[in-house]
Amino acid sequence: MKKNFSLLPFLFAFMLAFSITVFAGDSEEGFKPNPNATEADFDEWIYQGLKIDPPYDKATPVPKEFINSVGTMAAVSGTINKSTTVYYGPSSTYVSRETLAQGKAVSVIEKEGSYYLIEYSVAGGNVRGYVLTTSVDGNFSSVPVANNNINQFGLNISGSTATIYGGPSTSSYVSIGSVSKREIITVLKNDGSSWYHVEYWTSNGNKRGYIQTSNVSVPWLIYKYNKPITTGTRTNDYGSHSGIDIGVSSGTTVYAITSGTAKFRTAYKEVTLSDGTKKRYAVSYGNFVELTFGSNKAIYAHLSSFMSGYTAPNYPNTVPPSGADSSTRYLEHGSISVNQGTYLGGTGNSGYSTGPHLHFEIREGSTVVDPFKYVLFAKMPW
């Protein structure tokens, strides 16, 4: 492989700055800051001349139309009329918090389905949770219906573990849990001026709570882009890698995140065999799609198939899989204008890859950026 030694100082600085653990499942373009990672060394040829930005770490300002007034509304007093379970969400499928005894004073904040979101006192402060509407006595005709007007994925960009509180305050409410660095959560709504009501995942089930908006990026509030894939597990993160890897079974649908021009390509090497015949092997991105939107480009790599009208060749990978170098060629299959949400192809294991997955990458001109700056995807723990 041709080496681009001008990248080495940057790579050394990057490795010192980001020591994120990565997991098995991909072997293509990327960094390897963790000595125990299975990620292959940086693929200098395909990335030469490109700048690699650090992971995105800015919170998303909340547009006025998404600022919810629930946090400023007066709650309605009520009384628990029987021994009842408090859940961390409006269903018994959520994690249970505790059992409240008959006669417990509560405040009813909003109604969601057959549950009330209530607030009550506990040791150390207050907390909010959900109980069946039939378990609370009081006049609740003025209680509003929940308006989860955001209901989109958000990302913890705080740089470390972020605390989840039982209500929208660090002083009045108790802590109920935490989310890890770059963990994906569901942002339900904005509550007050600087808090999100969120849902997140734990080993025991889902929980709802409150997190400060300064700790969260919600790309959808700015871009409203479609997810490139709707299932799978993040096996490599940006920062230890040039994109986001989602481990998923081969043939899983990938989508256009926005309207643009989709170009269908295959990265390969041609080898002359001992009998004089030539054989092609998939390398680097393998079968991939470049989606150009404005001055930006989204890359969907290691595919097994393309959308109707475009055929992805079934070239075998080299053994072991290899990246791009001066002998890499690109087979151009054509391009087409697509709309947001258009089916682009199916995931696979072509090129520099050791298992079926999607490598998703975004470039702003000549800069590789964190894909989570634009769109969050794959509902999973990290």
Protein backbone atom coordinates (compact mmCIF):
# COMPACT_ATOMS: atom_id res chain seq x y z
CA MET A 1 0.00 0.00 0.00
CA LYS A 2 1.31 3.49 -0.83
CA LYS A 3 1.93 5.45 2.37
CA ASN A 4 1.00 9.08 2.83
CA PHE A 5 3.38 10.07 5.60
CA SER A 6 1.94 13.57 5.82
CA LEU A 7 -1.00 12.03 7.68
CA LEU A 8 1.07 10.48 10.43
CA PRO A 9 1.37 13.51 12.76
CA PHE A 10 -2.39 14.03 12.58
CA LEU A 11 -3.08 10.37 13.21
CA PHE A 12 -0.78 10.35 16.23
CA ALA A 13 -2.55 13.39 17.71
CA PHE A 14 -5.93 11.85 16.95
CA MET A 15 -5.00 8.59 18.67
CA LEU A 16 -3.99 10.47 21.81
CA ALA A 17 -7.19 12.49 21.83
CA PHE A 18 -9.68 9.67 21.26
CA SER A 19 -9.23 6.33 22.99
CA ILE A 20 -12.72 4.96 22.39
CA THR A 21 -13.05 1.20 22.57
CA VAL A 22 -14.22 -0.41 19.35
CA PHE A 23 -15.56 -3.86 18.72
CA ALA A 24 -15.17 -6.62 16.17
CA GLY A 25 -17.12 -6.64 12.95
CA ASP A 26 -15.30 -4.32 10.54
CA SER A 27 -11.84 -4.14 9.14
CA GLU A 28 -11.88 -1.25 6.74
CA GLU A 29 -10.95 2.40 6.67
CA GLY A 30 -10.45 3.89 10.10
CA PHE A 31 -8.21 4.73 13.03
CA LYS A 32 -7.00 2.33 15.70
CA PRO A 33 -6.44 4.36 18.86
CA ASN A 34 -7.13 1.40 21.14
CA PRO A 35 -4.42 -1.30 20.96
CA ASN A 36 -7.01 -4.01 21.63
CA ALA A 37 -9.31 -2.91 18.80
CA THR A 38 -9.88 -5.10 15.76
CA GLU A 39 -10.13 -2.11 13.42
CA ALA A 40 -7.60 -2.18 10.58
CA ASP A 41 -4.98 0.53 10.23
CA PHE A 42 -5.93 3.79 8.59
CA ASP A 43 -6.49 3.35 4.84
CA GLU A 44 -4.13 6.10 3.69
CA TRP A 45 -4.80 5.86 -0.02
CA ILE A 46 -8.53 6.47 -0.02
CA TYR A 47 -8.29 9.18 2.67
CA GLN A 48 -5.20 11.03 1.49
CA GLY A 49 -5.80 14.76 1.32
CA LEU A 50 -8.91 14.56 3.52
CA LYS A 51 -9.27 16.19 6.89
CA ILE A 52 -10.83 14.08 9.66
CA ASP A 53 -12.91 16.08 12.12
CA PRO A 54 -13.26 14.97 15.76
CA PRO A 55 -16.61 13.62 17.01
CA TYR A 56 -19.43 16.16 16.99
CA ASP A 57 -19.99 17.66 20.43
CA LYS A 58 -22.49 20.51 20.12
CA ALA A 59 -25.98 20.57 21.58
CA THR A 60 -28.88 21.42 19.28
CA PRO A 61 -30.72 24.69 19.96
CA VAL A 62 -34.42 23.98 20.42
CA PRO A 63 -36.52 25.71 17.72
CA LYS A 64 -39.39 27.77 19.14
CA GLU A 65 -42.02 25.53 17.62
CA PHE A 66 -40.72 22.59 19.68
CA ILE A 67 -40.59 24.33 23.04
CA ASN A 68 -43.25 22.64 25.14
CA SER A 69 -45.19 24.56 27.77
CA VAL A 70 -45.85 21.56 30.03
CA GLY A 71 -43.06 22.49 32.41
CA THR A 72 -44.64 25.90 33.14
CA MET A 73 -48.19 24.66 33.65
CA ALA A 74 -49.65 24.28 37.14
CA ALA A 75 -49.95 20.62 38.13
CA VAL A 76 -53.19 19.34 39.68
CA SER A 77 -53.15 17.91 43.19
CA GLY A 78 -54.35 14.35 43.67
CA THR A 79 -54.25 11.42 46.07
CA ILE A 80 -53.30 7.80 45.45
CA ASN A 81 -56.49 5.80 46.14
CA LYS A 82 -54.91 2.34 46.43
CA SER A 83 -51.54 0.67 46.56
CA THR A 84 -50.16 1.26 43.09
CA THR A 85 -46.95 0.76 41.12
CA VAL A 86 -45.06 3.73 39.70
CA TYR A 87 -43.41 3.05 36.33
CA TYR A 88 -40.70 4.95 34.48
CA GLY A 89 -43.00 5.18 31.45
CA PRO A 90 -46.70 5.03 30.52
CA SER A 91 -46.94 1.23 30.47
CA SER A 92 -46.18 -1.74 32.70
CA THR A 93 -43.51 -2.71 30.16
CA TYR A 94 -41.29 0.07 31.53
CA VAL A 95 -39.04 -0.39 34.54
CA SER A 96 -41.00 -0.10 37.80
CA ARG A 97 -39.75 2.44 40.33
CA GLU A 98 -41.68 1.68 43.50
CA THR A 99 -45.11 1.13 45.01
CA LEU A 100 -47.00 4.10 46.45
CA ALA A 101 -49.33 3.55 49.38
CA GLN A 102 -52.95 4.65 49.51
CA GLY A 103 -53.24 8.27 50.63
CA LYS A 104 -49.93 9.44 49.11
CA ALA A 105 -50.20 13.05 47.89
CA VAL A 106 -49.14 13.56 44.28
CA SER A 107 -49.32 16.20 41.56
CA VAL A 108 -50.71 15.18 38.16
CA ILE A 109 -48.84 16.81 35.27
CA GLU A 110 -50.20 15.25 32.08
CA LYS A 111 -52.07 12.26 30.67
CA GLU A 112 -50.66 9.75 28.22
CA GLY A 113 -52.95 6.91 27.22
CA SER A 114 -54.28 5.28 30.39
CA TYR A 115 -51.48 6.72 32.55
CA TYR A 116 -50.86 9.96 34.39
CA LEU A 117 -47.41 11.50 34.69
CA ILE A 118 -47.23 12.39 38.36
CA GLU A 119 -44.79 14.11 40.69
CA TYR A 120 -44.29 13.27 44.35
CA SER A 121 -41.79 13.59 47.16
CA VAL A 122 -39.13 11.00 47.96
CA ALA A 123 -36.04 10.98 50.13
CA GLY A 124 -33.70 13.65 48.79
CA GLY A 125 -36.21 15.56 46.68
CA ASN A 126 -38.96 14.95 44.14
CA VAL A 127 -39.42 12.54 41.29
CA ARG A 128 -41.80 11.99 38.38
CA GLY A 129 -43.27 8.70 37.19
CA TYR A 130 -46.34 7.11 35.67
CA VAL A 131 -49.37 5.51 37.32
CA LEU A 132 -52.68 4.26 35.99
CA THR A 133 -55.31 7.00 35.81
CA THR A 134 -57.66 4.84 37.90
CA SER A 135 -55.25 4.90 40.84
CA VAL A 136 -55.46 8.65 41.53
CA ASP A 137 -58.38 10.63 42.97
CA GLY A 138 -58.92 14.28 42.10
CA ASN A 139 -60.39 16.69 39.54
CA PHE A 140 -58.15 16.31 36.52
CA SER A 141 -60.27 17.85 33.76
CA SER A 142 -57.61 20.52 33.18
CA VAL A 143 -54.72 18.07 32.90
CA PRO A 144 -53.25 18.27 29.37
CA VAL A 145 -52.59 15.32 27.08
CA ALA A 146 -48.89 14.63 26.61
CA ASN A 147 -47.44 16.43 23.61
CA ASN A 148 -44.31 14.52 22.65
CA ASN A 149 -43.73 16.82 19.72
CA ILE A 150 -40.08 15.95 19.10
CA ASN A 151 -40.00 12.16 19.57
CA GLN A 152 -36.69 11.74 17.76
CA PHE A 153 -33.29 10.27 18.57
CA GLY A 154 -30.82 12.43 20.48
CA LEU A 155 -27.18 11.88 21.34
CA ASN A 156 -25.36 12.45 24.63
CA ILE A 157 -22.56 14.79 23.55
CA SER A 158 -21.56 15.83 27.09
CA GLY A 159 -18.16 14.15 26.72
CA SER A 160 -18.81 11.79 29.61
CA THR A 161 -21.63 10.03 31.44
CA ALA A 162 -24.64 12.36 31.79
CA THR A 163 -27.09 12.20 34.70
CA ILE A 164 -30.79 11.57 34.14
CA TYR A 165 -33.02 13.28 36.70
CA GLY A 166 -36.52 12.53 37.92
CA GLY A 167 -37.69 15.99 36.82
CA PRO A 168 -36.42 19.14 35.07
CA SER A 169 -34.03 20.43 37.74
CA THR A 170 -30.72 19.37 39.25
CA SER A 171 -31.65 20.68 42.68
CA SER A 172 -35.33 19.81 43.13
CA TYR A 173 -35.33 16.29 41.69
CA VAL A 174 -33.37 13.15 42.47
CA SER A 175 -31.10 11.34 40.04
CA ILE A 176 -32.70 8.24 38.48
CA GLY A 177 -29.86 7.01 36.27
CA SER A 178 -27.38 8.02 33.59
CA VAL A 179 -26.51 7.65 29.91
CA SER A 180 -23.02 6.96 28.67
CA LYS A 181 -20.95 9.07 26.30
CA ARG A 182 -22.45 9.05 22.78
CA GLU A 183 -25.41 6.97 23.90
CA ILE A 184 -28.49 7.36 21.73
CA ILE A 185 -31.72 8.25 23.53
CA THR A 186 -35.22 9.24 22.41
CA VAL A 187 -35.99 12.91 23.01
CA LEU A 188 -39.74 13.12 23.63
CA LYS A 189 -40.15 16.85 24.13
CA ASN A 190 -38.62 19.99 25.52
CA ASP A 191 -39.77 20.73 29.07
CA GLY A 192 -39.34 24.32 30.14
CA SER A 193 -36.37 26.13 28.65
CA SER A 194 -33.37 23.87 29.20
CA TRP A 195 -34.58 20.31 29.76
CA TYR A 196 -35.58 17.40 27.57
CA HIS A 197 -38.00 14.68 28.64
CA VAL A 198 -36.30 11.57 27.28
CA GLU A 199 -36.52 7.81 27.08
CA TYR A 200 -33.44 5.64 27.32
CA TRP A 201 -32.49 1.99 27.48
CA THR A 202 -31.26 -0.01 30.46
CA SER A 203 -30.51 -3.69 30.90
CA ASN A 204 -33.79 -3.99 32.81
CA GLY A 205 -35.97 -2.16 30.29
CA ASN A 206 -36.78 1.37 29.17
CA LYS A 207 -36.95 4.38 31.46
CA ARG A 208 -38.05 7.99 31.07
CA GLY A 209 -36.46 10.94 32.78
CA TYR A 210 -35.00 14.39 32.23
CA ILE A 211 -31.66 15.56 30.85
CA GLN A 212 -30.30 19.05 30.31
CA THR A 213 -30.52 20.19 26.68
CA SER A 214 -26.88 21.31 26.80
CA ASN A 215 -25.90 17.61 26.90
CA VAL A 216 -27.89 16.54 23.85
CA SER A 217 -27.68 16.84 20.07
CA VAL A 218 -30.90 16.20 18.13
CA PRO A 219 -29.87 16.39 14.45
CA TRP A 220 -33.46 15.99 13.26
CA LEU A 221 -34.36 19.42 14.69
CA ILE A 222 -31.97 20.95 12.14
CA TYR A 223 -31.76 18.53 9.20
CA LYS A 224 -34.84 16.28 9.36
CA TYR A 225 -32.93 13.55 7.55
CA ASN A 226 -34.07 9.97 7.17
CA LYS A 227 -32.18 7.17 8.96
CA PRO A 228 -29.84 5.28 6.58
CA ILE A 229 -30.72 2.02 8.35
CA THR A 230 -33.38 1.27 10.94
CA THR A 231 -31.99 -1.78 12.73
CA GLY A 232 -28.68 -3.23 13.86
CA THR A 233 -25.97 -2.70 16.47
CA ARG A 234 -23.21 -0.10 16.42
CA THR A 235 -19.98 -2.11 16.27
CA ASN A 236 -17.58 0.75 15.53
CA ASP A 237 -18.07 4.38 16.42
CA TYR A 238 -16.81 7.54 14.79
CA GLY A 239 -13.66 8.83 16.47
CA SER A 240 -12.05 5.42 16.48
CA HIS A 241 -13.17 5.08 12.90
CA SER A 242 -13.93 7.19 9.82
CA GLY A 243 -17.67 6.45 9.98
CA ILE A 244 -20.28 4.52 11.90
CA ASP A 245 -20.44 0.72 11.52
CA ILE A 246 -23.75 -1.02 12.07
CA GLY A 247 -23.55 -4.79 12.39
CA VAL A 248 -26.62 -6.32 10.77
CA SER A 249 -27.55 -9.34 8.67
CA SER A 250 -26.69 -9.24 4.98
CA GLY A 251 -29.41 -7.83 2.73
CA THR A 252 -30.82 -5.35 5.27
CA THR A 253 -32.25 -2.31 3.50
CA VAL A 254 -30.37 0.99 3.47
CA TYR A 255 -32.08 4.27 2.60
CA ALA A 256 -31.24 7.71 1.23
CA ILE A 257 -31.02 10.08 4.18
CA THR A 258 -32.14 12.96 1.95
CA SER A 259 -32.75 13.75 -1.70
CA GLY A 260 -29.70 13.87 -3.94
CA THR A 261 -27.75 11.99 -6.57
CA ALA A 262 -26.86 8.36 -5.84
CA LYS A 263 -23.80 6.97 -7.61
CA PHE A 264 -23.28 3.18 -7.57
CA ARG A 265 -19.66 2.02 -7.52
CA THR A 266 -17.43 -0.97 -6.78
CA ALA A 267 -13.85 -0.80 -5.47
CA TYR A 268 -11.77 -3.71 -6.76
CA LYS A 269 -8.32 -5.01 -7.66
CA GLU A 270 -7.56 -7.12 -10.70
CA VAL A 271 -5.06 -9.93 -10.24
CA THR A 272 -3.38 -11.98 -12.96
CA LEU A 273 -3.48 -15.68 -12.06
CA SER A 274 -0.78 -18.24 -12.84
CA ASP A 275 -2.64 -19.38 -15.97
CA GLY A 276 -2.70 -15.84 -17.32
CA THR A 277 -6.37 -15.18 -16.63
CA LYS A 278 -7.47 -12.13 -14.64
CA LYS A 279 -9.63 -12.19 -11.54
CA ARG A 280 -11.25 -9.29 -9.72
CA TYR A 281 -11.39 -8.98 -5.94
CA ALA A 282 -13.44 -6.54 -3.89
CA VAL A 283 -11.36 -4.22 -1.68
CA SER A 284 -11.84 -1.14 0.49
CA TYR A 285 -15.52 -0.06 0.34
CA GLY A 286 -16.43 -2.99 -1.95
CA ASN A 287 -19.86 -2.30 -3.42
CA PHE A 288 -20.86 1.17 -2.26
CA VAL A 289 -23.17 4.09 -2.89
CA GLU A 290 -22.14 7.73 -2.87
CA LEU A 291 -25.12 9.97 -2.16
CA THR A 292 -24.30 13.58 -3.04
CA PHE A 293 -26.50 16.25 -1.46
CA GLY A 294 -25.40 19.83 -1.91
CA SER A 295 -21.66 19.97 -1.25
CA ASN A 296 -21.85 16.94 1.05
CA LYS A 297 -21.59 13.23 0.41
CA ALA A 298 -22.92 10.20 2.31
CA ILE A 299 -21.20 6.85 1.69
CA TYR A 300 -22.89 3.46 2.18
CA ALA A 301 -20.16 0.81 2.01
CA HIS A 302 -19.78 -3.00 1.87
CA LEU A 303 -23.14 -3.59 0.21
CA SER A 304 -24.31 -6.86 -1.29
CA SER A 305 -26.87 -5.37 -3.68
CA PHE A 306 -27.98 -2.12 -5.28
CA MET A 307 -31.42 -0.72 -6.02
CA SER A 308 -33.29 -1.98 -9.07
CA GLY A 309 -31.52 -1.10 -12.31
CA TYR A 310 -28.01 -1.40 -10.86
CA THR A 311 -26.15 -4.69 -10.37
CA ALA A 312 -23.61 -5.12 -7.59
CA PRO A 313 -20.93 -7.61 -8.76
CA ASN A 314 -20.24 -10.56 -6.51
CA TYR A 315 -16.45 -10.23 -6.45
CA PRO A 316 -14.80 -12.24 -3.66
CA ASN A 317 -12.85 -10.36 -1.01
CA THR A 318 -9.09 -10.74 -0.83
CA VAL A 319 -7.79 -13.03 1.92
CA PRO A 320 -7.21 -11.32 4.23
CA PRO A 321 -9.42 -8.37 3.23
CA SER A 322 -7.46 -5.36 1.98
CA GLY A 323 -7.88 -1.62 1.67
CA ALA A 324 -7.30 0.79 -1.16
CA ASP A 325 -3.90 1.45 -2.75
CA SER A 326 -2.50 2.63 -6.08
CA SER A 327 -3.78 -0.51 -7.83
CA THR A 328 -7.39 -0.02 -6.69
CA ARG A 329 -9.91 0.53 -9.48
CA TYR A 330 -13.50 1.67 -9.40
CA LEU A 331 -16.24 0.15 -11.48
CA GLU A 332 -18.90 2.79 -12.19
CA HIS A 333 -22.45 1.44 -12.51
CA GLY A 334 -24.23 4.76 -13.06
CA SER A 335 -26.12 7.35 -11.03
CA ILE A 336 -29.68 8.49 -10.47
CA SER A 337 -31.57 11.23 -8.63
CA VAL A 338 -33.28 9.87 -5.52
CA ASN A 339 -35.65 11.18 -2.87
CA GLN A 340 -35.34 10.98 0.89
CA GLY A 341 -36.13 7.46 2.05
CA THR A 342 -35.41 5.83 -1.33
CA TYR A 343 -34.18 2.23 -1.15
CA LEU A 344 -30.52 2.27 -2.21
CA GLY A 345 -29.45 -1.32 -1.66
CA GLY A 346 -28.78 -4.09 0.84
CA THR A 347 -26.04 -4.50 3.42
CA GLY A 348 -23.30 -7.00 2.87
CA ASN A 349 -19.69 -8.02 3.46
CA SER A 350 -17.92 -6.80 0.33
CA GLY A 351 -14.47 -5.23 0.31
CA TYR A 352 -12.39 -4.58 3.41
CA SER A 353 -14.83 -6.24 5.79
CA THR A 354 -14.93 -9.25 8.10
CA GLY A 355 -18.70 -9.55 8.56
CA PRO A 356 -21.98 -8.20 7.18
CA HIS A 357 -22.57 -4.61 8.21
CA LEU A 358 -23.09 -1.07 6.97
CA HIS A 359 -20.21 1.38 7.03
CA PHE A 360 -21.85 4.82 6.87
CA GLU A 361 -19.74 7.91 6.38
CA ILE A 362 -20.34 11.60 5.67
CA ARG A 363 -17.99 14.06 4.02
CA GLU A 364 -18.36 17.82 3.90
CA GLY A 365 -16.31 18.60 0.84
CA SER A 366 -12.82 17.34 1.67
CA THR A 367 -13.58 16.82 5.38
CA VAL A 368 -14.77 13.55 6.91
CA VAL A 369 -17.22 14.40 9.70
CA ASP A 370 -19.13 12.58 12.42
CA PRO A 371 -22.26 11.08 10.77
CA PHE A 372 -24.12 11.68 14.04
CA LYS A 373 -23.84 15.40 13.31
CA TYR A 374 -26.51 14.82 10.67
CA VAL A 375 -28.57 11.78 11.56
CA LEU A 376 -28.87 9.24 14.39
CA PHE A 377 -29.73 5.63 13.69
CA ALA A 378 -29.76 2.08 15.04
CA LYS A 379 -31.63 1.72 18.31
CA MET A 380 -29.25 -0.07 20.59
CA PRO A 381 -27.12 0.23 23.73
CA TRP A 382 -23.52 1.31 23.26
